[in-house]
Amino acid sequence: MTKGAVDPQRLEEEWRADMEVLADLAEHGDRAEIERPVDVSFRGSPEALVRLTEAAEGLGFDYLDMETSPDGDPCLFLVRDQRADVESIKALTATCLQIEVDFGVEYDGWGCAAQDGTSE
């Protein structure tokens, strides 16, 4: 179903932002090898987001929520369990940017809670 290639400059921009998030997690004692829910968000037309919601499971994600952003745009949140190490996050970002291209949506980033191994 791939419609086109991810822009390498866009991938580089997202990766720089990812490195900041990973550094922040590490500063808070995160153990990146611990699997945890990682959510991703996308903005787009309601129709595009519904198509993505319907395809989410086949892409390795579960539906989390659909909200309206403060500026009135619909925003879709998906989630999957994974580690937050460099390789896993790089793969996640590449997947999400391909989703952006394939579904005509805008990838808006990822997030997760720091995991130090002391609680579930």
N, C-alpha and C. Protein backbone atom coordinates (compact mmCIF):
# COMPACT_ATOMS: atom_id res chain seq x y z
N MET A 1 0.80 -1.19 0.00
CA MET A 1 0.00 0.00 0.00
C MET A 1 0.85 1.27 0.00
N THR A 2 2.15 1.14 0.08
CA THR A 2 3.04 2.29 0.15
C THR A 2 2.84 3.20 -1.05
N LYS A 3 2.60 4.49 -0.79
CA LYS A 3 2.35 5.46 -1.85
C LYS A 3 3.61 6.20 -2.28
N GLY A 4 4.59 6.30 -1.41
CA GLY A 4 5.79 7.03 -1.75
C GLY A 4 6.83 6.89 -0.66
N ALA A 5 7.98 7.47 -0.93
CA ALA A 5 9.09 7.38 0.01
C ALA A 5 9.04 8.52 1.02
N VAL A 6 9.57 8.25 2.19
CA VAL A 6 9.68 9.25 3.24
C VAL A 6 10.80 10.23 2.86
N ASP A 7 10.55 11.50 3.06
CA ASP A 7 11.55 12.54 2.81
C ASP A 7 12.69 12.38 3.82
N PRO A 8 13.93 12.17 3.36
CA PRO A 8 15.05 11.99 4.28
C PRO A 8 15.25 13.19 5.23
N GLN A 9 14.98 14.38 4.75
CA GLN A 9 15.12 15.57 5.61
C GLN A 9 14.08 15.54 6.73
N ARG A 10 12.87 15.10 6.41
CA ARG A 10 11.81 14.98 7.43
C ARG A 10 12.22 13.94 8.47
N LEU A 11 12.79 12.84 8.01
CA LEU A 11 13.25 11.79 8.93
C LEU A 11 14.34 12.34 9.85
N GLU A 12 15.26 13.10 9.30
CA GLU A 12 16.34 13.69 10.11
C GLU A 12 15.79 14.67 11.15
N GLU A 13 14.82 15.49 10.76
CA GLU A 13 14.20 16.44 11.70
C GLU A 13 13.53 15.70 12.85
N GLU A 14 12.78 14.66 12.52
CA GLU A 14 12.10 13.89 13.56
C GLU A 14 13.12 13.18 14.45
N TRP A 15 14.20 12.68 13.87
CA TRP A 15 15.20 11.97 14.65
C TRP A 15 15.87 12.91 15.65
N ARG A 16 16.13 14.14 15.25
CA ARG A 16 16.70 15.12 16.20
C ARG A 16 15.75 15.32 17.39
N ALA A 17 14.47 15.45 17.11
CA ALA A 17 13.48 15.60 18.18
C ALA A 17 13.43 14.34 19.05
N ASP A 18 13.50 13.17 18.41
CA ASP A 18 13.49 11.90 19.15
C ASP A 18 14.67 11.82 20.12
N MET A 19 15.83 12.25 19.68
CA MET A 19 17.02 12.20 20.52
C MET A 19 16.85 13.07 21.76
N GLU A 20 16.16 14.19 21.63
CA GLU A 20 15.88 15.04 22.80
C GLU A 20 14.96 14.32 23.78
N VAL A 21 13.93 13.66 23.26
CA VAL A 21 13.00 12.93 24.12
C VAL A 21 13.72 11.77 24.82
N LEU A 22 14.53 11.04 24.07
CA LEU A 22 15.28 9.93 24.66
C LEU A 22 16.23 10.43 25.74
N ALA A 23 16.88 11.57 25.53
CA ALA A 23 17.77 12.14 26.54
C ALA A 23 16.99 12.53 27.79
N ASP A 24 15.80 13.10 27.60
CA ASP A 24 14.97 13.48 28.73
C ASP A 24 14.53 12.24 29.52
N LEU A 25 14.13 11.20 28.82
CA LEU A 25 13.76 9.95 29.50
C LEU A 25 14.94 9.42 30.32
N ALA A 26 16.13 9.42 29.72
CA ALA A 26 17.32 8.92 30.41
C ALA A 26 17.61 9.74 31.66
N GLU A 27 17.42 11.05 31.56
CA GLU A 27 17.64 11.93 32.73
C GLU A 27 16.69 11.60 33.87
N HIS A 28 15.55 11.01 33.53
CA HIS A 28 14.56 10.64 34.54
C HIS A 28 14.66 9.17 34.94
N GLY A 29 15.81 8.56 34.65
CA GLY A 29 16.07 7.20 35.11
C GLY A 29 15.48 6.11 34.25
N ASP A 30 15.11 6.42 33.02
CA ASP A 30 14.50 5.41 32.17
C ASP A 30 15.47 4.29 31.84
N ARG A 31 14.93 3.08 31.87
CA ARG A 31 15.66 1.90 31.40
C ARG A 31 15.04 1.54 30.06
N ALA A 32 15.69 1.95 29.00
CA ALA A 32 15.15 1.88 27.64
C ALA A 32 14.78 0.46 27.21
N GLU A 33 15.40 -0.54 27.81
CA GLU A 33 15.13 -1.92 27.39
C GLU A 33 13.79 -2.45 27.90
N ILE A 34 13.14 -1.73 28.81
CA ILE A 34 11.86 -2.16 29.36
C ILE A 34 10.74 -1.83 28.36
N GLU A 35 9.98 -2.86 27.99
CA GLU A 35 8.85 -2.65 27.10
C GLU A 35 7.75 -1.90 27.84
N ARG A 36 7.12 -0.96 27.14
CA ARG A 36 6.05 -0.16 27.72
C ARG A 36 5.16 0.37 26.61
N PRO A 37 3.95 0.88 26.96
CA PRO A 37 3.11 1.50 25.93
C PRO A 37 3.77 2.78 25.42
N VAL A 38 3.86 2.88 24.10
CA VAL A 38 4.37 4.08 23.44
C VAL A 38 3.25 4.56 22.53
N ASP A 39 2.81 5.80 22.75
CA ASP A 39 1.73 6.32 21.92
C ASP A 39 2.30 7.23 20.84
N VAL A 40 1.59 7.27 19.72
CA VAL A 40 1.93 8.14 18.61
C VAL A 40 0.68 8.91 18.22
N SER A 41 0.88 10.09 17.65
CA SER A 41 -0.29 10.87 17.25
C SER A 41 -0.14 11.36 15.82
N PHE A 42 -1.30 11.51 15.19
CA PHE A 42 -1.39 11.96 13.81
C PHE A 42 -2.51 12.99 13.71
N ARG A 43 -2.30 13.98 12.86
CA ARG A 43 -3.34 14.96 12.54
C ARG A 43 -3.71 14.77 11.08
N GLY A 44 -4.92 15.14 10.75
CA GLY A 44 -5.34 15.04 9.36
C GLY A 44 -6.83 15.22 9.23
N SER A 45 -7.30 14.99 8.03
CA SER A 45 -8.75 15.09 7.80
C SER A 45 -9.43 13.96 8.55
N PRO A 46 -10.68 14.17 8.94
CA PRO A 46 -11.40 13.09 9.62
C PRO A 46 -11.42 11.80 8.78
N GLU A 47 -11.57 11.93 7.47
CA GLU A 47 -11.61 10.75 6.61
C GLU A 47 -10.28 9.99 6.63
N ALA A 48 -9.18 10.72 6.54
CA ALA A 48 -7.87 10.08 6.55
C ALA A 48 -7.60 9.41 7.89
N LEU A 49 -8.00 10.06 8.97
CA LEU A 49 -7.77 9.48 10.30
C LEU A 49 -8.64 8.25 10.53
N VAL A 50 -9.84 8.23 9.99
CA VAL A 50 -10.69 7.05 10.09
C VAL A 50 -10.06 5.89 9.32
N ARG A 51 -9.54 6.16 8.11
CA ARG A 51 -8.85 5.11 7.33
C ARG A 51 -7.67 4.56 8.12
N LEU A 52 -6.91 5.45 8.75
CA LEU A 52 -5.76 5.01 9.55
C LEU A 52 -6.22 4.20 10.76
N THR A 53 -7.28 4.64 11.41
CA THR A 53 -7.81 3.89 12.55
C THR A 53 -8.18 2.47 12.13
N GLU A 54 -8.82 2.34 10.97
CA GLU A 54 -9.23 1.03 10.48
C GLU A 54 -8.03 0.15 10.14
N ALA A 55 -6.93 0.76 9.74
CA ALA A 55 -5.73 0.01 9.36
C ALA A 55 -4.75 -0.19 10.51
N ALA A 56 -4.99 0.45 11.64
CA ALA A 56 -4.02 0.49 12.74
C ALA A 56 -3.54 -0.88 13.18
N GLU A 57 -4.45 -1.80 13.38
CA GLU A 57 -4.07 -3.12 13.88
C GLU A 57 -3.11 -3.82 12.92
N GLY A 58 -3.37 -3.71 11.63
CA GLY A 58 -2.49 -4.31 10.64
C GLY A 58 -1.12 -3.65 10.58
N LEU A 59 -1.02 -2.44 11.11
CA LEU A 59 0.24 -1.70 11.15
C LEU A 59 0.97 -1.90 12.48
N GLY A 60 0.37 -2.71 13.37
CA GLY A 60 1.01 -3.00 14.65
C GLY A 60 0.63 -2.07 15.78
N PHE A 61 -0.46 -1.33 15.62
CA PHE A 61 -0.90 -0.38 16.65
C PHE A 61 -2.31 -0.71 17.12
N ASP A 62 -2.66 -0.22 18.28
CA ASP A 62 -4.01 -0.26 18.79
C ASP A 62 -4.54 1.16 18.85
N TYR A 63 -5.84 1.30 18.66
CA TYR A 63 -6.50 2.60 18.77
C TYR A 63 -6.46 3.03 20.24
N LEU A 64 -6.12 4.28 20.48
CA LEU A 64 -6.09 4.81 21.84
C LEU A 64 -7.18 5.86 22.03
N ASP A 65 -7.21 6.88 21.14
CA ASP A 65 -8.17 7.96 21.31
C ASP A 65 -8.20 8.84 20.06
N MET A 66 -9.28 9.59 19.93
CA MET A 66 -9.40 10.62 18.91
C MET A 66 -9.83 11.87 19.65
N GLU A 67 -9.08 12.95 19.47
CA GLU A 67 -9.37 14.21 20.15
C GLU A 67 -9.34 15.35 19.14
N THR A 68 -9.81 16.50 19.59
CA THR A 68 -9.68 17.71 18.81
C THR A 68 -8.59 18.55 19.47
N SER A 69 -7.62 18.96 18.67
CA SER A 69 -6.51 19.77 19.21
C SER A 69 -7.03 21.17 19.56
N PRO A 70 -6.25 21.92 20.34
CA PRO A 70 -6.65 23.28 20.69
C PRO A 70 -6.92 24.17 19.47
N ASP A 71 -6.27 23.88 18.35
CA ASP A 71 -6.52 24.68 17.14
C ASP A 71 -7.64 24.10 16.27
N GLY A 72 -8.36 23.10 16.81
CA GLY A 72 -9.54 22.57 16.13
C GLY A 72 -9.30 21.41 15.18
N ASP A 73 -8.05 20.94 15.07
CA ASP A 73 -7.75 19.82 14.17
C ASP A 73 -8.02 18.49 14.86
N PRO A 74 -8.58 17.52 14.12
CA PRO A 74 -8.72 16.19 14.71
C PRO A 74 -7.34 15.56 14.88
N CYS A 75 -7.18 14.83 15.96
CA CYS A 75 -5.90 14.21 16.28
C CYS A 75 -6.16 12.77 16.73
N LEU A 76 -5.49 11.83 16.08
CA LEU A 76 -5.64 10.41 16.37
C LEU A 76 -4.45 9.93 17.18
N PHE A 77 -4.72 9.18 18.24
CA PHE A 77 -3.68 8.59 19.07
C PHE A 77 -3.74 7.08 18.94
N LEU A 78 -2.60 6.49 18.60
CA LEU A 78 -2.45 5.05 18.52
C LEU A 78 -1.38 4.64 19.53
N VAL A 79 -1.34 3.37 19.89
CA VAL A 79 -0.38 2.91 20.89
C VAL A 79 0.10 1.51 20.54
N ARG A 80 1.33 1.20 20.94
CA ARG A 80 1.83 -0.16 20.87
C ARG A 80 2.87 -0.33 21.96
N ASP A 81 3.05 -1.58 22.39
CA ASP A 81 4.05 -1.87 23.40
C ASP A 81 5.39 -2.09 22.71
N GLN A 82 6.41 -1.42 23.23
CA GLN A 82 7.75 -1.58 22.68
C GLN A 82 8.76 -0.99 23.65
N ARG A 83 10.03 -1.22 23.35
CA ARG A 83 11.10 -0.60 24.13
C ARG A 83 11.30 0.83 23.65
N ALA A 84 12.04 1.61 24.45
CA ALA A 84 12.35 3.00 24.08
C ALA A 84 13.84 3.18 23.88
N ASP A 85 14.50 2.14 23.35
CA ASP A 85 15.92 2.26 23.03
C ASP A 85 16.05 2.93 21.66
N VAL A 86 17.25 3.32 21.33
CA VAL A 86 17.51 4.07 20.10
C VAL A 86 16.98 3.33 18.87
N GLU A 87 17.31 2.05 18.74
CA GLU A 87 16.91 1.30 17.55
C GLU A 87 15.39 1.19 17.44
N SER A 88 14.72 0.92 18.56
CA SER A 88 13.26 0.76 18.55
C SER A 88 12.57 2.07 18.20
N ILE A 89 13.05 3.16 18.75
CA ILE A 89 12.42 4.46 18.47
C ILE A 89 12.71 4.90 17.03
N LYS A 90 13.90 4.62 16.55
CA LYS A 90 14.21 4.96 15.15
C LYS A 90 13.28 4.20 14.22
N ALA A 91 13.04 2.94 14.49
CA ALA A 91 12.12 2.13 13.68
C ALA A 91 10.69 2.66 13.79
N LEU A 92 10.28 3.04 14.99
CA LEU A 92 8.95 3.60 15.20
C LEU A 92 8.77 4.86 14.36
N THR A 93 9.74 5.74 14.42
CA THR A 93 9.64 6.99 13.67
C THR A 93 9.58 6.74 12.17
N ALA A 94 10.39 5.83 11.69
CA ALA A 94 10.36 5.50 10.26
C ALA A 94 8.99 4.96 9.87
N THR A 95 8.42 4.09 10.70
CA THR A 95 7.09 3.55 10.44
C THR A 95 6.05 4.66 10.40
N CYS A 96 6.10 5.55 11.37
CA CYS A 96 5.11 6.62 11.46
C CYS A 96 5.23 7.61 10.31
N LEU A 97 6.44 7.87 9.86
CA LEU A 97 6.60 8.76 8.71
C LEU A 97 6.12 8.09 7.43
N GLN A 98 6.25 6.77 7.34
CA GLN A 98 5.68 6.08 6.18
C GLN A 98 4.17 6.12 6.24
N ILE A 99 3.59 5.98 7.44
CA ILE A 99 2.15 6.12 7.60
C ILE A 99 1.71 7.51 7.15
N GLU A 100 2.48 8.51 7.51
CA GLU A 100 2.19 9.89 7.11
C GLU A 100 2.04 9.98 5.59
N VAL A 101 3.00 9.41 4.88
CA VAL A 101 2.99 9.43 3.41
C VAL A 101 1.82 8.60 2.88
N ASP A 102 1.65 7.40 3.40
CA ASP A 102 0.66 6.47 2.87
C ASP A 102 -0.78 6.90 3.11
N PHE A 103 -1.03 7.57 4.23
CA PHE A 103 -2.41 7.92 4.59
C PHE A 103 -2.73 9.40 4.42
N GLY A 104 -1.76 10.21 4.04
CA GLY A 104 -2.02 11.64 3.86
C GLY A 104 -2.35 12.33 5.17
N VAL A 105 -1.65 11.94 6.24
CA VAL A 105 -1.83 12.54 7.56
C VAL A 105 -0.51 13.17 7.98
N GLU A 106 -0.53 13.87 9.10
CA GLU A 106 0.69 14.48 9.62
C GLU A 106 1.07 13.79 10.93
N TYR A 107 2.24 13.18 10.94
CA TYR A 107 2.76 12.55 12.15
C TYR A 107 3.12 13.66 13.13
N ASP A 108 2.65 13.52 14.38
CA ASP A 108 2.81 14.58 15.37
C ASP A 108 3.67 14.14 16.55
N GLY A 109 4.34 12.99 16.46
CA GLY A 109 5.26 12.59 17.50
C GLY A 109 4.80 11.41 18.33
N TRP A 110 5.66 11.03 19.27
CA TRP A 110 5.43 9.88 20.15
C TRP A 110 5.69 10.29 21.59
N GLY A 111 5.22 9.46 22.48
CA GLY A 111 5.47 9.70 23.90
C GLY A 111 5.30 8.43 24.70
N CYS A 112 5.92 8.42 25.86
CA CYS A 112 5.78 7.31 26.79
C CYS A 112 6.28 7.76 28.16
N ALA A 113 5.92 6.99 29.15
CA ALA A 113 6.39 7.26 30.51
C ALA A 113 7.76 6.59 30.71
N ALA A 114 8.60 7.25 31.46
CA ALA A 114 9.90 6.67 31.82
C ALA A 114 9.65 5.42 32.66
N GLN A 115 10.45 4.39 32.43
CA GLN A 115 10.34 3.14 33.19
C GLN A 115 11.68 2.84 33.86
N ASP A 116 11.65 2.75 35.18
CA ASP A 116 12.91 2.47 35.89
C ASP A 116 12.97 1.04 36.43
N GLY A 117 11.92 0.26 36.15
CA GLY A 117 11.89 -1.13 36.55
C GLY A 117 11.37 -1.37 37.95
N THR A 118 10.96 -0.31 38.65
CA THR A 118 10.48 -0.48 40.02
C THR A 118 8.97 -0.61 40.12
N SER A 119 8.25 -0.32 39.04
CA SER A 119 6.79 -0.44 39.06
C SER A 119 6.31 -0.83 37.69
N GLU A 120 5.11 -1.34 37.63
CA GLU A 120 4.50 -1.75 36.36
C GLU A 120 3.92 -0.58 35.64
